[in-house]
Amino acid sequence: MDLNSFWNKDVKRNWERYKTARERVVRHAVRPHEEKAEHESQGRRVFAEGFGFYKLFWVFIICSILGAMIEFLFVGLTSGQWMSRSSLVMGQFSIVWGFGGTLMTWALHRLIDKDDRYIFISGTILGGLFEYICSWLGEKMFGVIFWDYSHMRFNIDGRVNLTYCFFWGLAAVIWIKLVYPWMSKLIERLPILFGRLLTWLLVVFMLFDMAISSAALYRMNQRDKGYVASNWAEEYVDEHYTDEWIEQRYRNMKKVD
């Protein structure tokens, strides 16, 4: 037996299977209504099919976790400082990455079969605008900033800079072209009842986590201004989320005068 010939045929066969599967995944990502119609014609029911709430919520959760992990490793390896990069007081979730990934997916998924440059340019602009808005909201709502690019060239108000805008563009290409289509299929493999139940449990948890995290930052800002707790909820937040606790949790955070 010619092993080289056998190996080449096997590789070629697997490559053709991969291309066929990818074309199907891409087609469904671009035209989710076709996927739904295909499932209906086969008498199949699929969790989070198409491009609705369930799919986008799981994109948010996955991107939040991946973002916290990536930042943890990046900061640790580049600066030697191993710190939590979570946006929330419970768990490891970066909601900036979560909302950013959801926004990118919603806005750019129909470009999946287009040239990479269209996704890169769109992701660069959209990511830069999103990052600027997040920084502005953090400062105006809580009196803090979580990143400051004022020491870098080509920055705008220290909130965004050209280098990281390009990173958003590159991340958009990788996510839309390579990761999202397969991630979408993995999400759809969850059993329908289990998937829906788990989704709504996570919705409740994430809403509570975001609410308590916002309250902790808000109360820290109010304490700095000399405002004492005026009700039991504020007293609870002040007792459990002191300035020292918050500064330890968000070590990259800076207060704004």
C-alpha atoms as a PDB file:
ATOM      1  CA  MET A   1       0.000   0.000   0.000  1.00  0.00           C
ATOM      2  CA  ASP A   2       1.243   3.478  -0.892  1.00  0.00           C
ATOM      3  CA  LEU A   3       1.042   5.267   2.472  1.00  0.00           C
ATOM      4  CA  ASN A   4       1.627   8.684   0.920  1.00  0.00           C
ATOM      5  CA  SER A   5      -1.209   8.182  -1.536  1.00  0.00           C
ATOM      6  CA  PHE A   6      -3.487   6.884   1.230  1.00  0.00           C
ATOM      7  CA  TRP A   7      -2.562   9.807   3.489  1.00  0.00           C
ATOM      8  CA  ASN A   8      -3.113  12.396   0.748  1.00  0.00           C
ATOM      9  CA  LYS A   9      -6.520  10.923  -0.113  1.00  0.00           C
ATOM     10  CA  ASP A  10      -7.522  10.914   3.568  1.00  0.00           C
ATOM     11  CA  VAL A  11      -6.394  14.508   4.068  1.00  0.00           C
ATOM     12  CA  LYS A  12      -8.140  15.601   0.883  1.00  0.00           C
ATOM     13  CA  ARG A  13     -11.364  13.827   1.889  1.00  0.00           C
ATOM     14  CA  ASN A  14     -11.340  15.419   5.349  1.00  0.00           C
ATOM     15  CA  TRP A  15     -10.559  18.817   3.856  1.00  0.00           C
ATOM     16  CA  GLU A  16     -13.531  18.529   1.494  1.00  0.00           C
ATOM     17  CA  ARG A  17     -15.768  17.551   4.427  1.00  0.00           C
ATOM     18  CA  TYR A  18     -14.500  20.564   6.364  1.00  0.00           C
ATOM     19  CA  LYS A  19     -15.200  22.936   3.457  1.00  0.00           C
ATOM     20  CA  THR A  20     -18.697  21.525   2.982  1.00  0.00           C
ATOM     21  CA  ALA A  21     -19.478  21.842   6.685  1.00  0.00           C
ATOM     22  CA  ARG A  22     -18.065  25.373   6.822  1.00  0.00           C
ATOM     23  CA  GLU A  23     -20.097  26.486   3.803  1.00  0.00           C
ATOM     24  CA  ARG A  24     -23.240  25.245   5.516  1.00  0.00           C
ATOM     25  CA  VAL A  25     -22.324  26.974   8.783  1.00  0.00           C
ATOM     26  CA  VAL A  26     -21.539  30.221   6.971  1.00  0.00           C
ATOM     27  CA  ARG A  27     -24.785  30.065   4.968  1.00  0.00           C
ATOM     28  CA  HIS A  28     -26.816  29.639   8.131  1.00  0.00           C
ATOM     29  CA  ALA A  29     -24.927  32.475   9.855  1.00  0.00           C
ATOM     30  CA  VAL A  30     -25.615  34.854   6.976  1.00  0.00           C
ATOM     31  CA  ARG A  31     -29.209  33.718   6.390  1.00  0.00           C
ATOM     32  CA  PRO A  32     -30.553  32.323   9.688  1.00  0.00           C
ATOM     33  CA  HIS A  33     -34.104  32.170   8.275  1.00  0.00           C
ATOM     34  CA  GLU A  34     -32.894  29.458   5.848  1.00  0.00           C
ATOM     35  CA  GLU A  35     -31.578  27.429   8.773  1.00  0.00           C
ATOM     36  CA  LYS A  36     -34.937  27.686  10.528  1.00  0.00           C
ATOM     37  CA  ALA A  37     -36.796  26.655   7.374  1.00  0.00           C
ATOM     38  CA  GLU A  38     -34.420  23.709   6.926  1.00  0.00           C
ATOM     39  CA  HIS A  39     -35.065  22.521  10.475  1.00  0.00           C
ATOM     40  CA  GLU A  40     -38.826  22.855  10.015  1.00  0.00           C
ATOM     41  CA  SER A  41     -38.720  20.829   6.790  1.00  0.00           C
ATOM     42  CA  GLN A  42     -36.878  18.076   8.666  1.00  0.00           C
ATOM     43  CA  GLY A  43     -39.293  18.203  11.601  1.00  0.00           C
ATOM     44  CA  ARG A  44     -36.464  19.222  13.955  1.00  0.00           C
ATOM     45  CA  ARG A  45     -36.588  21.616  16.886  1.00  0.00           C
ATOM     46  CA  VAL A  46     -33.311  23.303  17.770  1.00  0.00           C
ATOM     47  CA  PHE A  47     -32.376  25.473  20.727  1.00  0.00           C
ATOM     48  CA  ALA A  48     -31.396  29.068  19.900  1.00  0.00           C
ATOM     49  CA  GLU A  49     -31.796  28.546  16.153  1.00  0.00           C
ATOM     50  CA  GLY A  50     -31.466  31.514  13.863  1.00  0.00           C
ATOM     51  CA  PHE A  51     -30.357  34.808  15.321  1.00  0.00           C
ATOM     52  CA  GLY A  52     -32.626  35.683  18.241  1.00  0.00           C
ATOM     53  CA  PHE A  53     -32.427  36.428  21.959  1.00  0.00           C
ATOM     54  CA  TYR A  54     -31.146  33.024  23.088  1.00  0.00           C
ATOM     55  CA  LYS A  55     -28.291  33.012  20.565  1.00  0.00           C
ATOM     56  CA  LEU A  56     -27.211  36.573  21.369  1.00  0.00           C
ATOM     57  CA  PHE A  57     -27.438  36.034  25.125  1.00  0.00           C
ATOM     58  CA  TRP A  58     -25.107  33.039  24.917  1.00  0.00           C
ATOM     59  CA  VAL A  59     -22.745  35.046  22.734  1.00  0.00           C
ATOM     60  CA  PHE A  60     -22.743  37.658  25.526  1.00  0.00           C
ATOM     61  CA  ILE A  61     -21.984  35.050  28.219  1.00  0.00           C
ATOM     62  CA  ILE A  62     -19.245  33.325  26.222  1.00  0.00           C
ATOM     63  CA  CYS A  63     -17.553  36.603  25.228  1.00  0.00           C
ATOM     64  CA  SER A  64     -17.745  37.868  28.825  1.00  0.00           C
ATOM     65  CA  ILE A  65     -15.923  34.792  30.122  1.00  0.00           C
ATOM     66  CA  LEU A  66     -13.407  34.679  27.267  1.00  0.00           C
ATOM     67  CA  GLY A  67     -12.699  38.395  27.663  1.00  0.00           C
ATOM     68  CA  ALA A  68     -11.968  38.097  31.383  1.00  0.00           C
ATOM     69  CA  MET A  69      -9.664  35.126  30.730  1.00  0.00           C
ATOM     70  CA  ILE A  70      -7.808  36.791  27.845  1.00  0.00           C
ATOM     71  CA  GLU A  71      -7.235  40.021  29.793  1.00  0.00           C
ATOM     72  CA  PHE A  72      -6.129  38.076  32.886  1.00  0.00           C
ATOM     73  CA  LEU A  73      -3.503  36.214  30.855  1.00  0.00           C
ATOM     74  CA  PHE A  74      -2.436  39.231  28.771  1.00  0.00           C
ATOM     75  CA  VAL A  75      -1.944  41.540  31.758  1.00  0.00           C
ATOM     76  CA  GLY A  76      -0.266  38.808  33.801  1.00  0.00           C
ATOM     77  CA  LEU A  77       2.170  37.817  31.069  1.00  0.00           C
ATOM     78  CA  THR A  78       3.027  41.363  29.971  1.00  0.00           C
ATOM     79  CA  SER A  79       3.195  43.115  33.348  1.00  0.00           C
ATOM     80  CA  GLY A  80       3.678  40.301  35.836  1.00  0.00           C
ATOM     81  CA  GLN A  81       0.585  41.468  37.735  1.00  0.00           C
ATOM     82  CA  TRP A  82      -1.984  38.715  38.033  1.00  0.00           C
ATOM     83  CA  MET A  83      -5.298  40.352  38.809  1.00  0.00           C
ATOM     84  CA  SER A  84      -8.985  39.831  38.206  1.00  0.00           C
ATOM     85  CA  ARG A  85     -10.202  41.569  35.050  1.00  0.00           C
ATOM     86  CA  SER A  86     -13.866  40.984  35.797  1.00  0.00           C
ATOM     87  CA  SER A  87     -16.311  43.866  35.415  1.00  0.00           C
ATOM     88  CA  LEU A  88     -18.573  42.429  38.106  1.00  0.00           C
ATOM     89  CA  VAL A  89     -18.262  41.686  41.812  1.00  0.00           C
ATOM     90  CA  MET A  90     -19.331  38.055  41.424  1.00  0.00           C
ATOM     91  CA  GLY A  91     -17.723  35.632  39.018  1.00  0.00           C
ATOM     92  CA  GLN A  92     -15.280  36.349  36.216  1.00  0.00           C
ATOM     93  CA  PHE A  93     -17.210  38.236  33.553  1.00  0.00           C
ATOM     94  CA  SER A  94     -15.971  41.131  31.441  1.00  0.00           C
ATOM     95  CA  ILE A  95     -19.189  42.756  30.324  1.00  0.00           C
ATOM     96  CA  VAL A  96     -17.251  45.130  28.070  1.00  0.00           C
ATOM     97  CA  TRP A  97     -16.140  42.100  26.066  1.00  0.00           C
ATOM     98  CA  GLY A  98     -19.598  40.575  26.454  1.00  0.00           C
ATOM     99  CA  PHE A  99     -21.493  43.550  25.072  1.00  0.00           C
ATOM    100  CA  GLY A 100     -18.735  44.218  22.550  1.00  0.00           C
ATOM    101  CA  GLY A 101     -18.872  40.663  21.212  1.00  0.00           C
ATOM    102  CA  THR A 102     -22.658  40.759  21.062  1.00  0.00           C
ATOM    103  CA  LEU A 103     -22.587  44.093  19.233  1.00  0.00           C
ATOM    104  CA  MET A 104     -19.980  42.831  16.762  1.00  0.00           C
ATOM    105  CA  THR A 105     -21.961  39.653  16.133  1.00  0.00           C
ATOM    106  CA  TRP A 106     -25.244  41.492  15.630  1.00  0.00           C
ATOM    107  CA  ALA A 107     -23.763  44.186  13.390  1.00  0.00           C
ATOM    108  CA  LEU A 108     -21.225  42.217  11.358  1.00  0.00           C
ATOM    109  CA  HIS A 109     -22.423  38.602  11.069  1.00  0.00           C
ATOM    110  CA  ARG A 110     -23.898  39.213   7.609  1.00  0.00           C
ATOM    111  CA  LEU A 111     -20.399  40.106   6.369  1.00  0.00           C
ATOM    112  CA  ILE A 112     -19.111  36.608   7.103  1.00  0.00           C
ATOM    113  CA  ASP A 113     -18.902  35.710   3.406  1.00  0.00           C
ATOM    114  CA  LYS A 114     -17.349  39.055   2.435  1.00  0.00           C
ATOM    115  CA  ASP A 115     -13.678  39.964   2.141  1.00  0.00           C
ATOM    116  CA  ASP A 116     -11.824  40.249   5.468  1.00  0.00           C
ATOM    117  CA  ARG A 117     -11.082  43.932   4.968  1.00  0.00           C
ATOM    118  CA  TYR A 118     -14.749  44.890   5.234  1.00  0.00           C
ATOM    119  CA  ILE A 119     -15.035  43.179   8.621  1.00  0.00           C
ATOM    120  CA  PHE A 120     -11.699  44.630   9.770  1.00  0.00           C
ATOM    121  CA  ILE A 121     -12.615  48.215   8.888  1.00  0.00           C
ATOM    122  CA  SER A 122     -16.115  47.897  10.347  1.00  0.00           C
ATOM    123  CA  GLY A 123     -14.786  46.229  13.501  1.00  0.00           C
ATOM    124  CA  THR A 124     -12.106  48.893  13.960  1.00  0.00           C
ATOM    125  CA  ILE A 125     -14.630  51.736  13.791  1.00  0.00           C
ATOM    126  CA  LEU A 126     -17.365  49.989  15.765  1.00  0.00           C
ATOM    127  CA  GLY A 127     -14.951  48.739  18.445  1.00  0.00           C
ATOM    128  CA  GLY A 128     -13.355  52.153  18.921  1.00  0.00           C
ATOM    129  CA  LEU A 129     -16.734  53.852  19.232  1.00  0.00           C
ATOM    130  CA  PHE A 130     -17.983  51.205  21.660  1.00  0.00           C
ATOM    131  CA  GLU A 131     -14.863  51.452  23.851  1.00  0.00           C
ATOM    132  CA  TYR A 132     -15.116  55.250  23.970  1.00  0.00           C
ATOM    133  CA  ILE A 133     -18.781  55.108  25.041  1.00  0.00           C
ATOM    134  CA  CYS A 134     -18.026  52.515  27.756  1.00  0.00           C
ATOM    135  CA  SER A 135     -15.226  54.661  29.188  1.00  0.00           C
ATOM    136  CA  TRP A 136     -17.395  57.788  29.110  1.00  0.00           C
ATOM    137  CA  LEU A 137     -20.307  56.029  30.824  1.00  0.00           C
ATOM    138  CA  GLY A 138     -18.050  54.640  33.573  1.00  0.00           C
ATOM    139  CA  GLU A 139     -16.710  58.097  34.311  1.00  0.00           C
ATOM    140  CA  LYS A 140     -20.064  59.880  34.243  1.00  0.00           C
ATOM    141  CA  MET A 141     -22.037  57.255  36.160  1.00  0.00           C
ATOM    142  CA  PHE A 142     -19.490  56.101  38.758  1.00  0.00           C
ATOM    143  CA  GLY A 143     -16.677  58.646  38.682  1.00  0.00           C
ATOM    144  CA  VAL A 144     -14.063  56.047  37.660  1.00  0.00           C
ATOM    145  CA  ILE A 145     -12.125  54.938  34.599  1.00  0.00           C
ATOM    146  CA  PHE A 146     -10.958  51.369  34.018  1.00  0.00           C
ATOM    147  CA  TRP A 147      -8.408  52.128  31.301  1.00  0.00           C
ATOM    148  CA  ASP A 148      -6.381  55.174  30.317  1.00  0.00           C
ATOM    149  CA  TYR A 149      -4.589  55.446  26.979  1.00  0.00           C
ATOM    150  CA  SER A 150      -3.478  59.060  27.436  1.00  0.00           C
ATOM    151  CA  HIS A 151       0.185  57.957  27.495  1.00  0.00           C
ATOM    152  CA  MET A 152      -0.144  56.326  24.067  1.00  0.00           C
ATOM    153  CA  ARG A 153       0.022  57.992  20.671  1.00  0.00           C
ATOM    154  CA  PHE A 154      -3.093  58.554  18.570  1.00  0.00           C
ATOM    155  CA  ASN A 155      -5.482  58.449  21.530  1.00  0.00           C
ATOM    156  CA  ILE A 156      -8.781  60.304  21.909  1.00  0.00           C
ATOM    157  CA  ASP A 157      -9.305  61.690  25.433  1.00  0.00           C
ATOM    158  CA  GLY A 158      -7.386  58.697  26.771  1.00  0.00           C
ATOM    159  CA  ARG A 159     -10.455  56.527  26.127  1.00  0.00           C
ATOM    160  CA  VAL A 160      -9.411  54.900  22.853  1.00  0.00           C
ATOM    161  CA  ASN A 161      -6.276  54.722  20.757  1.00  0.00           C
ATOM    162  CA  LEU A 162      -5.534  53.597  17.229  1.00  0.00           C
ATOM    163  CA  THR A 163      -3.589  50.467  18.229  1.00  0.00           C
ATOM    164  CA  TYR A 164      -6.475  49.007  20.214  1.00  0.00           C
ATOM    165  CA  CYS A 165      -8.956  50.049  17.544  1.00  0.00           C
ATOM    166  CA  PHE A 166      -6.957  47.887  15.138  1.00  0.00           C
ATOM    167  CA  PHE A 167      -7.110  45.101  17.725  1.00  0.00           C
ATOM    168  CA  TRP A 168     -10.921  45.374  17.695  1.00  0.00           C
ATOM    169  CA  GLY A 169     -10.814  45.062  13.897  1.00  0.00           C
ATOM    170  CA  LEU A 170      -8.581  41.976  14.018  1.00  0.00           C
ATOM    171  CA  ALA A 171     -10.710  40.435  16.766  1.00  0.00           C
ATOM    172  CA  ALA A 172     -13.822  41.046  14.656  1.00  0.00           C
ATOM    173  CA  VAL A 173     -12.313  39.167  11.693  1.00  0.00           C
ATOM    174  CA  ILE A 174     -11.271  36.196  13.854  1.00  0.00           C
ATOM    175  CA  TRP A 175     -14.613  36.097  15.661  1.00  0.00           C
ATOM    176  CA  ILE A 176     -16.903  36.505  12.659  1.00  0.00           C
ATOM    177  CA  LYS A 177     -14.921  34.356  10.214  1.00  0.00           C
ATOM    178  CA  LEU A 178     -13.641  31.573  12.454  1.00  0.00           C
ATOM    179  CA  VAL A 179     -15.190  31.426  15.902  1.00  0.00           C
ATOM    180  CA  TYR A 180     -18.824  32.543  15.750  1.00  0.00           C
ATOM    181  CA  PRO A 181     -20.120  30.115  13.070  1.00  0.00           C
ATOM    182  CA  TRP A 182     -18.897  27.094  15.021  1.00  0.00           C
ATOM    183  CA  MET A 183     -19.817  28.606  18.375  1.00  0.00           C
ATOM    184  CA  SER A 184     -23.340  29.134  17.051  1.00  0.00           C
ATOM    185  CA  LYS A 185     -23.626  25.448  16.207  1.00  0.00           C
ATOM    186  CA  LEU A 186     -22.323  24.417  19.634  1.00  0.00           C
ATOM    187  CA  ILE A 187     -24.914  26.634  21.337  1.00  0.00           C
ATOM    188  CA  GLU A 188     -27.658  24.998  19.272  1.00  0.00           C
ATOM    189  CA  ARG A 189     -26.623  21.553  20.511  1.00  0.00           C
ATOM    190  CA  LEU A 190     -27.986  22.310  23.985  1.00  0.00           C
ATOM    191  CA  PRO A 191     -31.249  20.444  24.705  1.00  0.00           C
ATOM    192  CA  ILE A 192     -34.152  22.866  24.273  1.00  0.00           C
ATOM    193  CA  LEU A 193     -35.665  22.613  27.762  1.00  0.00           C
ATOM    194  CA  PHE A 194     -32.295  22.588  29.521  1.00  0.00           C
ATOM    195  CA  GLY A 195     -31.011  25.443  27.345  1.00  0.00           C
ATOM    196  CA  ARG A 196     -33.987  27.671  28.050  1.00  0.00           C
ATOM    197  CA  LEU A 197     -33.944  26.944  31.781  1.00  0.00           C
ATOM    198  CA  LEU A 198     -30.208  27.589  32.044  1.00  0.00           C
ATOM    199  CA  THR A 199     -30.547  30.755  29.974  1.00  0.00           C
ATOM    200  CA  TRP A 200     -33.137  32.305  32.265  1.00  0.00           C
ATOM    201  CA  LEU A 201     -31.239  31.292  35.389  1.00  0.00           C
ATOM    202  CA  LEU A 202     -28.194  33.054  33.957  1.00  0.00           C
ATOM    203  CA  VAL A 203     -30.293  36.083  32.964  1.00  0.00           C
ATOM    204  CA  VAL A 204     -31.472  36.493  36.572  1.00  0.00           C
ATOM    205  CA  PHE A 205     -27.955  35.963  37.933  1.00  0.00           C
ATOM    206  CA  MET A 206     -26.325  38.400  35.499  1.00  0.00           C
ATOM    207  CA  LEU A 207     -28.948  41.101  36.130  1.00  0.00           C
ATOM    208  CA  PHE A 208     -28.420  40.743  39.889  1.00  0.00           C
ATOM    209  CA  ASP A 209     -24.630  40.726  39.474  1.00  0.00           C
ATOM    210  CA  MET A 210     -24.710  43.858  37.302  1.00  0.00           C
ATOM    211  CA  ALA A 211     -27.121  45.590  39.700  1.00  0.00           C
ATOM    212  CA  ILE A 212     -25.036  44.900  42.825  1.00  0.00           C
ATOM    213  CA  SER A 213     -21.815  45.794  40.973  1.00  0.00           C
ATOM    214  CA  SER A 214     -23.314  49.113  39.826  1.00  0.00           C
ATOM    215  CA  ALA A 215     -24.565  49.793  43.356  1.00  0.00           C
ATOM    216  CA  ALA A 216     -21.102  49.111  44.813  1.00  0.00           C
ATOM    217  CA  LEU A 217     -19.408  51.548  42.419  1.00  0.00           C
ATOM    218  CA  TYR A 218     -22.148  54.134  42.836  1.00  0.00           C
ATOM    219  CA  ARG A 219     -21.925  54.013  46.635  1.00  0.00           C
ATOM    220  CA  MET A 220     -18.132  54.323  46.518  1.00  0.00           C
ATOM    221  CA  ASN A 221     -18.545  57.488  44.467  1.00  0.00           C
ATOM    222  CA  GLN A 222     -21.198  58.779  46.875  1.00  0.00           C
ATOM    223  CA  ARG A 223     -19.016  58.056  49.925  1.00  0.00           C
ATOM    224  CA  ASP A 224     -16.186  60.033  48.342  1.00  0.00           C
ATOM    225  CA  LYS A 225     -18.586  62.981  48.118  1.00  0.00           C
ATOM    226  CA  GLY A 226     -19.567  62.615  51.771  1.00  0.00           C
ATOM    227  CA  TYR A 227     -23.021  61.109  51.311  1.00  0.00           C
ATOM    228  CA  VAL A 228     -23.944  58.615  54.046  1.00  0.00           C
ATOM    229  CA  ALA A 229     -26.182  55.604  53.506  1.00  0.00           C
ATOM    230  CA  SER A 230     -29.870  56.623  53.632  1.00  0.00           C
ATOM    231  CA  ASN A 231     -31.579  53.190  53.559  1.00  0.00           C
ATOM    232  CA  TRP A 232     -30.983  49.523  54.336  1.00  0.00           C
ATOM    233  CA  ALA A 233     -29.871  48.690  50.806  1.00  0.00           C
ATOM    234  CA  GLU A 234     -27.145  51.354  50.833  1.00  0.00           C
ATOM    235  CA  GLU A 235     -26.087  50.254  54.317  1.00  0.00           C
ATOM    236  CA  TYR A 236     -25.759  46.663  53.049  1.00  0.00           C
ATOM    237  CA  VAL A 237     -23.640  47.770  50.093  1.00  0.00           C
ATOM    238  CA  ASP A 238     -21.425  49.960  52.292  1.00  0.00           C
ATOM    239  CA  GLU A 239     -20.866  47.109  54.741  1.00  0.00           C
ATOM    240  CA  HIS A 240     -20.049  44.407  52.204  1.00  0.00           C
ATOM    241  CA  TYR A 241     -18.367  46.427  49.439  1.00  0.00           C
ATOM    242  CA  THR A 242     -16.010  48.860  51.130  1.00  0.00           C
ATOM    243  CA  ASP A 243     -13.587  51.098  49.252  1.00  0.00           C
ATOM    244  CA  GLU A 244     -10.750  48.706  50.108  1.00  0.00           C
ATOM    245  CA  TRP A 245     -12.686  45.719  48.767  1.00  0.00           C
ATOM    246  CA  ILE A 246     -13.560  47.501  45.521  1.00  0.00           C
ATOM    247  CA  GLU A 247      -9.998  48.741  44.976  1.00  0.00           C
ATOM    248  CA  GLN A 248      -8.719  45.196  45.472  1.00  0.00           C
ATOM    249  CA  ARG A 249     -11.319  43.803  43.061  1.00  0.00           C
ATOM    250  CA  TYR A 250     -10.720  46.480  40.412  1.00  0.00           C
ATOM    251  CA  ARG A 251      -6.995  47.113  40.747  1.00  0.00           C
ATOM    252  CA  ASN A 252      -6.773  48.833  37.371  1.00  0.00           C
ATOM    253  CA  MET A 253      -9.531  51.312  38.304  1.00  0.00           C
ATOM    254  CA  LYS A 254      -8.776  55.017  38.787  1.00  0.00           C
ATOM    255  CA  LYS A 255     -11.023  57.547  40.464  1.00  0.00           C
ATOM    256  CA  VAL A 256     -11.779  60.727  38.566  1.00  0.00           C
ATOM    257  CA  ASP A 257     -12.002  64.024  40.412  1.00  0.00           C
END
